[in-house]
Amino acid sequence: MSVPTGYYDESYPPSILGVQPTGVTAGAPGSFTPPGSNVPDNLAQLSGLGSLGQTTAWTTGQYVNLDPSGSAYWNGTQWALGVAP
């Protein structure tokens, strides 16, 4: 049985089905939405997803974790590596 792209029922977490993030919440660390969605591996993958709803620069100390390691923040116009200064 094949599962339609983007399909999600509560018996399978989105990461198993390959669901891409549709949003991100700033924090220390921040989080991707929907919960359980695939975390980008690097800045290039994150940048390829666009702003993910971000419109203003993140404040000092905010970031989101990348997988397998690293962090990034929204600087007001694009994603940047590290923690917001």
PDB file of N, CA and C in Angstrom:
ATOM      1  N   MET A   1       0.844  -1.175   0.000  1.00  0.00           N
ATOM      2  CA  MET A   1       0.000   0.000   0.000  1.00  0.00           C
ATOM      3  C   MET A   1       0.891   1.240   0.000  1.00  0.00           C
ATOM      4  N   SER A   2       0.677   2.116  -0.916  1.00  0.00           N
ATOM      5  CA  SER A   2       1.459   3.353  -0.928  1.00  0.00           C
ATOM      6  C   SER A   2       0.694   4.430  -0.179  1.00  0.00           C
ATOM      7  N   VAL A   3       1.449   5.324   0.428  1.00  0.00           N
ATOM      8  CA  VAL A   3       0.861   6.411   1.195  1.00  0.00           C
ATOM      9  C   VAL A   3       0.989   7.682   0.375  1.00  0.00           C
ATOM     10  N   PRO A   4      -0.102   8.401   0.145  1.00  0.00           N
ATOM     11  CA  PRO A   4      -0.035   9.637  -0.627  1.00  0.00           C
ATOM     12  C   PRO A   4       0.906  10.654   0.015  1.00  0.00           C
ATOM     13  N   THR A   5       1.638  11.392  -0.801  1.00  0.00           N
ATOM     14  CA  THR A   5       2.530  12.422  -0.291  1.00  0.00           C
ATOM     15  C   THR A   5       1.732  13.436   0.512  1.00  0.00           C
ATOM     16  N   GLY A   6       2.245  13.765   1.687  1.00  0.00           N
ATOM     17  CA  GLY A   6       1.582  14.734   2.547  1.00  0.00           C
ATOM     18  C   GLY A   6       0.504  14.139   3.426  1.00  0.00           C
ATOM     19  N   TYR A   7       0.130  12.879   3.181  1.00  0.00           N
ATOM     20  CA  TYR A   7      -0.891  12.226   3.990  1.00  0.00           C
ATOM     21  C   TYR A   7      -0.343  11.967   5.384  1.00  0.00           C
ATOM     22  N   TYR A   8      -1.164  12.170   6.371  1.00  0.00           N
ATOM     23  CA  TYR A   8      -0.732  11.910   7.748  1.00  0.00           C
ATOM     24  C   TYR A   8      -1.936  11.499   8.565  1.00  0.00           C
ATOM     25  N   ASP A   9      -1.832  10.331   9.165  1.00  0.00           N
ATOM     26  CA  ASP A   9      -2.786  10.000  10.206  1.00  0.00           C
ATOM     27  C   ASP A   9      -1.969   9.744  11.460  1.00  0.00           C
ATOM     28  N   GLU A  10      -2.596   9.739  12.583  1.00  0.00           N
ATOM     29  CA  GLU A  10      -1.862   9.720  13.844  1.00  0.00           C
ATOM     30  C   GLU A  10      -1.123   8.417  14.116  1.00  0.00           C
ATOM     31  N   SER A  11      -1.292   7.413  13.249  1.00  0.00           N
ATOM     32  CA  SER A  11      -0.571   6.172  13.472  1.00  0.00           C
ATOM     33  C   SER A  11       0.870   6.240  12.980  1.00  0.00           C
ATOM     34  N   TYR A  12       1.200   7.232  12.167  1.00  0.00           N
ATOM     35  CA  TYR A  12       2.559   7.409  11.663  1.00  0.00           C
ATOM     36  C   TYR A  12       3.003   8.836  11.925  1.00  0.00           C
ATOM     37  N   PRO A  13       4.151   9.036  12.587  1.00  0.00           N
ATOM     38  CA  PRO A  13       4.633  10.415  12.751  1.00  0.00           C
ATOM     39  C   PRO A  13       5.058  10.969  11.395  1.00  0.00           C
ATOM     40  N   PRO A  14       4.915  12.284  11.183  1.00  0.00           N
ATOM     41  CA  PRO A  14       5.243  12.874   9.891  1.00  0.00           C
ATOM     42  C   PRO A  14       6.654  12.571   9.398  1.00  0.00           C
ATOM     43  N   SER A  15       7.634  12.444  10.294  1.00  0.00           N
ATOM     44  CA  SER A  15       9.013  12.217   9.849  1.00  0.00           C
ATOM     45  C   SER A  15       9.156  10.900   9.095  1.00  0.00           C
ATOM     46  N   ILE A  16       8.358   9.896   9.413  1.00  0.00           N
ATOM     47  CA  ILE A  16       8.414   8.621   8.698  1.00  0.00           C
ATOM     48  C   ILE A  16       7.901   8.789   7.277  1.00  0.00           C
ATOM     49  N   LEU A  17       6.932   9.661   7.099  1.00  0.00           N
ATOM     50  CA  LEU A  17       6.327   9.867   5.784  1.00  0.00           C
ATOM     51  C   LEU A  17       7.043  10.935   4.971  1.00  0.00           C
ATOM     52  N   GLY A  18       8.060  11.556   5.515  1.00  0.00           N
ATOM     53  CA  GLY A  18       8.817  12.553   4.765  1.00  0.00           C
ATOM     54  C   GLY A  18       8.146  13.905   4.669  1.00  0.00           C
ATOM     55  N   VAL A  19       7.436  14.325   5.676  1.00  0.00           N
ATOM     56  CA  VAL A  19       6.748  15.611   5.670  1.00  0.00           C
ATOM     57  C   VAL A  19       7.755  16.732   5.896  1.00  0.00           C
ATOM     58  N   GLN A  20       7.754  17.702   4.997  1.00  0.00           N
ATOM     59  CA  GLN A  20       8.642  18.852   5.132  1.00  0.00           C
ATOM     60  C   GLN A  20       8.021  19.879   6.075  1.00  0.00           C
ATOM     61  N   PRO A  21       8.841  20.636   6.789  1.00  0.00           N
ATOM     62  CA  PRO A  21       8.302  21.681   7.658  1.00  0.00           C
ATOM     63  C   PRO A  21       7.552  22.729   6.844  1.00  0.00           C
ATOM     64  N   THR A  22       6.477  23.227   7.419  1.00  0.00           N
ATOM     65  CA  THR A  22       5.716  24.303   6.793  1.00  0.00           C
ATOM     66  C   THR A  22       5.818  25.585   7.594  1.00  0.00           C
ATOM     67  N   GLY A  23       6.441  25.507   8.751  1.00  0.00           N
ATOM     68  CA  GLY A  23       6.620  26.675   9.605  1.00  0.00           C
ATOM     69  C   GLY A  23       7.706  26.413  10.621  1.00  0.00           C
ATOM     70  N   VAL A  24       8.063  27.461  11.335  1.00  0.00           N
ATOM     71  CA  VAL A  24       9.063  27.348  12.389  1.00  0.00           C
ATOM     72  C   VAL A  24       8.717  28.372  13.463  1.00  0.00           C
ATOM     73  N   THR A  25       8.954  27.991  14.705  1.00  0.00           N
ATOM     74  CA  THR A  25       8.717  28.876  15.840  1.00  0.00           C
ATOM     75  C   THR A  25      10.065  29.217  16.452  1.00  0.00           C
ATOM     76  N   ALA A  26      10.346  30.510  16.590  1.00  0.00           N
ATOM     77  CA  ALA A  26      11.606  30.948  17.182  1.00  0.00           C
ATOM     78  C   ALA A  26      11.661  30.532  18.642  1.00  0.00           C
ATOM     79  N   GLY A  27      12.864  30.252  19.123  1.00  0.00           N
ATOM     80  CA  GLY A  27      13.044  29.876  20.518  1.00  0.00           C
ATOM     81  C   GLY A  27      14.489  29.538  20.795  1.00  0.00           C
ATOM     82  N   ALA A  28      14.731  28.932  21.922  1.00  0.00           N
ATOM     83  CA  ALA A  28      16.098  28.556  22.309  1.00  0.00           C
ATOM     84  C   ALA A  28      16.100  27.135  22.867  1.00  0.00           C
ATOM     85  N   PRO A  29      15.907  26.112  22.093  1.00  0.00           N
ATOM     86  CA  PRO A  29      15.796  26.150  20.640  1.00  0.00           C
ATOM     87  C   PRO A  29      14.361  26.342  20.168  1.00  0.00           C
ATOM     88  N   GLY A  30      14.255  26.750  18.905  1.00  0.00           N
ATOM     89  CA  GLY A  30      12.963  26.855  18.253  1.00  0.00           C
ATOM     90  C   GLY A  30      12.525  25.483  17.758  1.00  0.00           C
ATOM     91  N   SER A  31      11.386  25.433  17.091  1.00  0.00           N
ATOM     92  CA  SER A  31      10.887  24.156  16.609  1.00  0.00           C
ATOM     93  C   SER A  31      10.234  24.303  15.241  1.00  0.00           C
ATOM     94  N   PHE A  32      10.255  23.209  14.496  1.00  0.00           N
ATOM     95  CA  PHE A  32       9.615  23.168  13.187  1.00  0.00           C
ATOM     96  C   PHE A  32       8.185  22.666  13.340  1.00  0.00           C
ATOM     97  N   THR A  33       7.310  23.125  12.459  1.00  0.00           N
ATOM     98  CA  THR A  33       5.940  22.636  12.423  1.00  0.00           C
ATOM     99  C   THR A  33       5.660  22.053  11.050  1.00  0.00           C
ATOM    100  N   PRO A  34       4.847  21.033  10.949  1.00  0.00           N
ATOM    101  CA  PRO A  34       4.147  20.371  12.032  1.00  0.00           C
ATOM    102  C   PRO A  34       5.116  19.575  12.900  1.00  0.00           C
ATOM    103  N   PRO A  35       4.743  19.326  14.157  1.00  0.00           N
ATOM    104  CA  PRO A  35       5.597  18.525  15.027  1.00  0.00           C
ATOM    105  C   PRO A  35       5.938  17.185  14.367  1.00  0.00           C
ATOM    106  N   GLY A  36       7.194  16.785  14.454  1.00  0.00           N
ATOM    107  CA  GLY A  36       7.631  15.532  13.873  1.00  0.00           C
ATOM    108  C   GLY A  36       8.050  15.622  12.421  1.00  0.00           C
ATOM    109  N   SER A  37       7.945  16.815  11.816  1.00  0.00           N
ATOM    110  CA  SER A  37       8.364  16.952  10.421  1.00  0.00           C
ATOM    111  C   SER A  37       9.880  16.806  10.309  1.00  0.00           C
ATOM    112  N   ASN A  38      10.354  16.547   9.106  1.00  0.00           N
ATOM    113  CA  ASN A  38      11.789  16.360   8.875  1.00  0.00           C
ATOM    114  C   ASN A  38      12.544  17.649   9.173  1.00  0.00           C
ATOM    115  N   VAL A  39      13.611  17.532   9.938  1.00  0.00           N
ATOM    116  CA  VAL A  39      14.464  18.675  10.243  1.00  0.00           C
ATOM    117  C   VAL A  39      15.494  18.803   9.122  1.00  0.00           C
ATOM    118  N   PRO A  40      15.668  20.005   8.544  1.00  0.00           N
ATOM    119  CA  PRO A  40      16.680  20.174   7.501  1.00  0.00           C
ATOM    120  C   PRO A  40      18.070  19.776   7.991  1.00  0.00           C
ATOM    121  N   ASP A  41      18.876  19.210   7.076  1.00  0.00           N
ATOM    122  CA  ASP A  41      20.227  18.760   7.413  1.00  0.00           C
ATOM    123  C   ASP A  41      21.231  19.902   7.498  1.00  0.00           C
ATOM    124  N   ASN A  42      20.978  20.974   6.750  1.00  0.00           N
ATOM    125  CA  ASN A  42      21.973  22.045   6.674  1.00  0.00           C
ATOM    126  C   ASN A  42      21.300  23.347   6.267  1.00  0.00           C
ATOM    127  N   LEU A  43      22.094  24.408   6.205  1.00  0.00           N
ATOM    128  CA  LEU A  43      21.566  25.726   5.876  1.00  0.00           C
ATOM    129  C   LEU A  43      20.977  25.765   4.472  1.00  0.00           C
ATOM    130  N   ALA A  44      21.592  25.065   3.528  1.00  0.00           N
ATOM    131  CA  ALA A  44      21.072  25.054   2.156  1.00  0.00           C
ATOM    132  C   ALA A  44      19.668  24.450   2.099  1.00  0.00           C
ATOM    133  N   GLN A  45      19.461  23.345   2.796  1.00  0.00           N
ATOM    134  CA  GLN A  45      18.126  22.729   2.812  1.00  0.00           C
ATOM    135  C   GLN A  45      17.114  23.643   3.492  1.00  0.00           C
ATOM    136  N   LEU A  46      17.504  24.257   4.596  1.00  0.00           N
ATOM    137  CA  LEU A  46      16.609  25.171   5.300  1.00  0.00           C
ATOM    138  C   LEU A  46      16.267  26.356   4.415  1.00  0.00           C
ATOM    139  N   SER A  47      17.258  26.935   3.766  1.00  0.00           N
ATOM    140  CA  SER A  47      17.029  28.083   2.890  1.00  0.00           C
ATOM    141  C   SER A  47      16.100  27.725   1.741  1.00  0.00           C
ATOM    142  N   GLY A  48      16.208  26.482   1.255  1.00  0.00           N
ATOM    143  CA  GLY A  48      15.350  26.029   0.174  1.00  0.00           C
ATOM    144  C   GLY A  48      13.881  25.967   0.547  1.00  0.00           C
ATOM    145  N   LEU A  49      13.585  25.976   1.833  1.00  0.00           N
ATOM    146  CA  LEU A  49      12.194  25.951   2.293  1.00  0.00           C
ATOM    147  C   LEU A  49      11.586  27.343   2.377  1.00  0.00           C
ATOM    148  N   GLY A  50      12.394  28.372   2.125  1.00  0.00           N
ATOM    149  CA  GLY A  50      11.910  29.746   2.192  1.00  0.00           C
ATOM    150  C   GLY A  50      11.891  30.266   3.625  1.00  0.00           C
ATOM    151  N   SER A  51      11.099  31.284   3.851  1.00  0.00           N
ATOM    152  CA  SER A  51      11.070  31.946   5.164  1.00  0.00           C
ATOM    153  C   SER A  51      10.305  31.154   6.215  1.00  0.00           C
ATOM    154  N   LEU A  52       9.516  30.167   5.801  1.00  0.00           N
ATOM    155  CA  LEU A  52       8.684  29.374   6.718  1.00  0.00           C
ATOM    156  C   LEU A  52       7.834  30.269   7.616  1.00  0.00           C
ATOM    157  N   GLY A  53       7.367  31.374   7.052  1.00  0.00           N
ATOM    158  CA  GLY A  53       6.470  32.273   7.774  1.00  0.00           C
ATOM    159  C   GLY A  53       7.133  33.349   8.586  1.00  0.00           C
ATOM    160  N   GLN A  54       8.454  33.406   8.568  1.00  0.00           N
ATOM    161  CA  GLN A  54       9.169  34.398   9.367  1.00  0.00           C
ATOM    162  C   GLN A  54       9.134  35.758   8.669  1.00  0.00           C
ATOM    163  N   THR A  55       8.857  36.807   9.433  1.00  0.00           N
ATOM    164  CA  THR A  55       8.790  38.151   8.859  1.00  0.00           C
ATOM    165  C   THR A  55       9.714  39.141   9.557  1.00  0.00           C
ATOM    166  N   THR A  56      10.134  38.816  10.772  1.00  0.00           N
ATOM    167  CA  THR A  56      11.036  39.708  11.507  1.00  0.00           C
ATOM    168  C   THR A  56      12.236  38.922  12.021  1.00  0.00           C
ATOM    169  N   ALA A  57      13.322  39.630  12.239  1.00  0.00           N
ATOM    170  CA  ALA A  57      14.546  38.998  12.744  1.00  0.00           C
ATOM    171  C   ALA A  57      14.299  38.399  14.124  1.00  0.00           C
ATOM    172  N   TRP A  58      14.922  37.244  14.350  1.00  0.00           N
ATOM    173  CA  TRP A  58      14.831  36.605  15.658  1.00  0.00           C
ATOM    174  C   TRP A  58      15.664  37.395  16.660  1.00  0.00           C
ATOM    175  N   THR A  59      15.270  37.321  17.913  1.00  0.00           N
ATOM    176  CA  THR A  59      15.964  38.081  18.952  1.00  0.00           C
ATOM    177  C   THR A  59      17.173  37.308  19.478  1.00  0.00           C
ATOM    178  N   THR A  60      18.011  38.006  20.192  1.00  0.00           N
ATOM    179  CA  THR A  60      19.258  37.450  20.727  1.00  0.00           C
ATOM    180  C   THR A  60      19.032  36.096  21.407  1.00  0.00           C
ATOM    181  N   GLY A  61      19.855  35.125  21.013  1.00  0.00           N
ATOM    182  CA  GLY A  61      19.823  33.810  21.634  1.00  0.00           C
ATOM    183  C   GLY A  61      18.868  32.816  20.998  1.00  0.00           C
ATOM    184  N   GLN A  62      18.036  33.250  20.046  1.00  0.00           N
ATOM    185  CA  GLN A  62      17.093  32.328  19.421  1.00  0.00           C
ATOM    186  C   GLN A  62      17.746  31.573  18.271  1.00  0.00           C
ATOM    187  N   TYR A  63      17.326  30.334  18.085  1.00  0.00           N
ATOM    188  CA  TYR A  63      17.851  29.487  17.023  1.00  0.00           C
ATOM    189  C   TYR A  63      16.955  28.273  16.857  1.00  0.00           C
ATOM    190  N   VAL A  64      17.187  27.539  15.787  1.00  0.00           N
ATOM    191  CA  VAL A  64      16.542  26.255  15.560  1.00  0.00           C
ATOM    192  C   VAL A  64      17.649  25.256  15.252  1.00  0.00           C
ATOM    193  N   ASN A  65      17.523  24.050  15.776  1.00  0.00           N
ATOM    194  CA  ASN A  65      18.530  23.020  15.524  1.00  0.00           C
ATOM    195  C   ASN A  65      18.376  22.450  14.121  1.00  0.00           C
ATOM    196  N   LEU A  66      19.517  22.159  13.501  1.00  0.00           N
ATOM    197  CA  LEU A  66      19.551  21.451  12.230  1.00  0.00           C
ATOM    198  C   LEU A  66      19.975  20.021  12.516  1.00  0.00           C
ATOM    199  N   ASP A  67      19.691  19.112  11.588  1.00  0.00           N
ATOM    200  CA  ASP A  67      20.011  17.697  11.808  1.00  0.00           C
ATOM    201  C   ASP A  67      21.101  17.276  10.843  1.00  0.00           C
ATOM    202  N   PRO A  68      22.180  16.727  11.231  1.00  0.00           N
ATOM    203  CA  PRO A  68      22.439  16.110  12.523  1.00  0.00           C
ATOM    204  C   PRO A  68      23.030  17.053  13.558  1.00  0.00           C
ATOM    205  N   SER A  69      23.557  18.177  13.132  1.00  0.00           N
ATOM    206  CA  SER A  69      24.099  19.129  14.097  1.00  0.00           C
ATOM    207  C   SER A  69      24.097  20.510  13.478  1.00  0.00           C
ATOM    208  N   GLY A  70      24.294  21.480  14.293  1.00  0.00           N
ATOM    209  CA  GLY A  70      24.308  22.857  13.827  1.00  0.00           C
ATOM    210  C   GLY A  70      23.035  23.575  14.218  1.00  0.00           C
ATOM    211  N   SER A  71      23.033  24.868  13.975  1.00  0.00           N
ATOM    212  CA  SER A  71      21.865  25.675  14.289  1.00  0.00           C
ATOM    213  C   SER A  71      21.773  26.825  13.302  1.00  0.00           C
ATOM    214  N   ALA A  72      20.600  27.430  13.231  1.00  0.00           N
ATOM    215  CA  ALA A  72      20.367  28.540  12.318  1.00  0.00           C
ATOM    216  C   ALA A  72      19.318  29.462  12.918  1.00  0.00           C
ATOM    217  N   TYR A  73      19.269  30.683  12.417  1.00  0.00           N
ATOM    218  CA  TYR A  73      18.281  31.664  12.855  1.00  0.00           C
ATOM    219  C   TYR A  73      17.866  32.517  11.664  1.00  0.00           C
ATOM    220  N   TRP A  74      16.717  33.182  11.786  1.00  0.00           N
ATOM    221  CA  TRP A  74      16.216  34.072  10.748  1.00  0.00           C
ATOM    222  C   TRP A  74      16.703  35.477  11.063  1.00  0.00           C
ATOM    223  N   ASN A  75      17.462  36.086  10.125  1.00  0.00           N
ATOM    224  CA  ASN A  75      18.041  37.406  10.394  1.00  0.00           C
ATOM    225  C   ASN A  75      17.169  38.564   9.909  1.00  0.00           C
ATOM    226  N   GLY A  76      15.979  38.243   9.471  1.00  0.00           N
ATOM    227  CA  GLY A  76      15.060  39.269   8.990  1.00  0.00           C
ATOM    228  C   GLY A  76      14.860  39.202   7.490  1.00  0.00           C
ATOM    229  N   THR A  77      15.850  38.626   6.778  1.00  0.00           N
ATOM    230  CA  THR A  77      15.741  38.495   5.328  1.00  0.00           C
ATOM    231  C   THR A  77      16.093  37.103   4.830  1.00  0.00           C
ATOM    232  N   GLN A  78      16.878  36.348   5.632  1.00  0.00           N
ATOM    233  CA  GLN A  78      17.277  35.005   5.222  1.00  0.00           C
ATOM    234  C   GLN A  78      17.752  34.204   6.436  1.00  0.00           C
ATOM    235  N   TRP A  79      17.919  32.883   6.215  1.00  0.00           N
ATOM    236  CA  TRP A  79      18.450  32.017   7.278  1.00  0.00           C
ATOM    237  C   TRP A  79      19.954  32.193   7.370  1.00  0.00           C
ATOM    238  N   ALA A  80      20.487  32.181   8.581  1.00  0.00           N
ATOM    239  CA  ALA A  80      21.932  32.299   8.806  1.00  0.00           C
ATOM    240  C   ALA A  80      22.341  31.237   9.821  1.00  0.00           C
ATOM    241  N   LEU A  81      23.595  30.783   9.709  1.00  0.00           N
ATOM    242  CA  LEU A  81      24.117  29.781  10.639  1.00  0.00           C
ATOM    243  C   LEU A  81      24.337  30.367  12.023  1.00  0.00           C
ATOM    244  N   GLY A  82      24.123  29.544  13.036  1.00  0.00           N
ATOM    245  CA  GLY A  82      24.432  29.937  14.406  1.00  0.00           C
ATOM    246  C   GLY A  82      23.214  30.349  15.207  1.00  0.00           C
ATOM    247  N   VAL A  83      23.472  31.171  16.191  1.00  0.00           N
ATOM    248  CA  VAL A  83      22.457  31.671  17.129  1.00  0.00           C
ATOM    249  C   VAL A  83      22.319  33.170  16.898  1.00  0.00           C
ATOM    250  N   ALA A  84      21.082  33.676  16.954  1.00  0.00           N
ATOM    251  CA  ALA A  84      20.864  35.107  16.724  1.00  0.00           C
ATOM    252  C   ALA A  84      21.700  35.939  17.690  1.00  0.00           C
ATOM    253  N   PRO A  85      22.476  36.881  17.153  1.00  0.00           N
ATOM    254  CA  PRO A  85      23.331  37.724  18.005  1.00  0.00           C
ATOM    255  C   PRO A  85      22.523  38.730  18.817  1.00  0.00           C
TER     256      PRO A  85
END
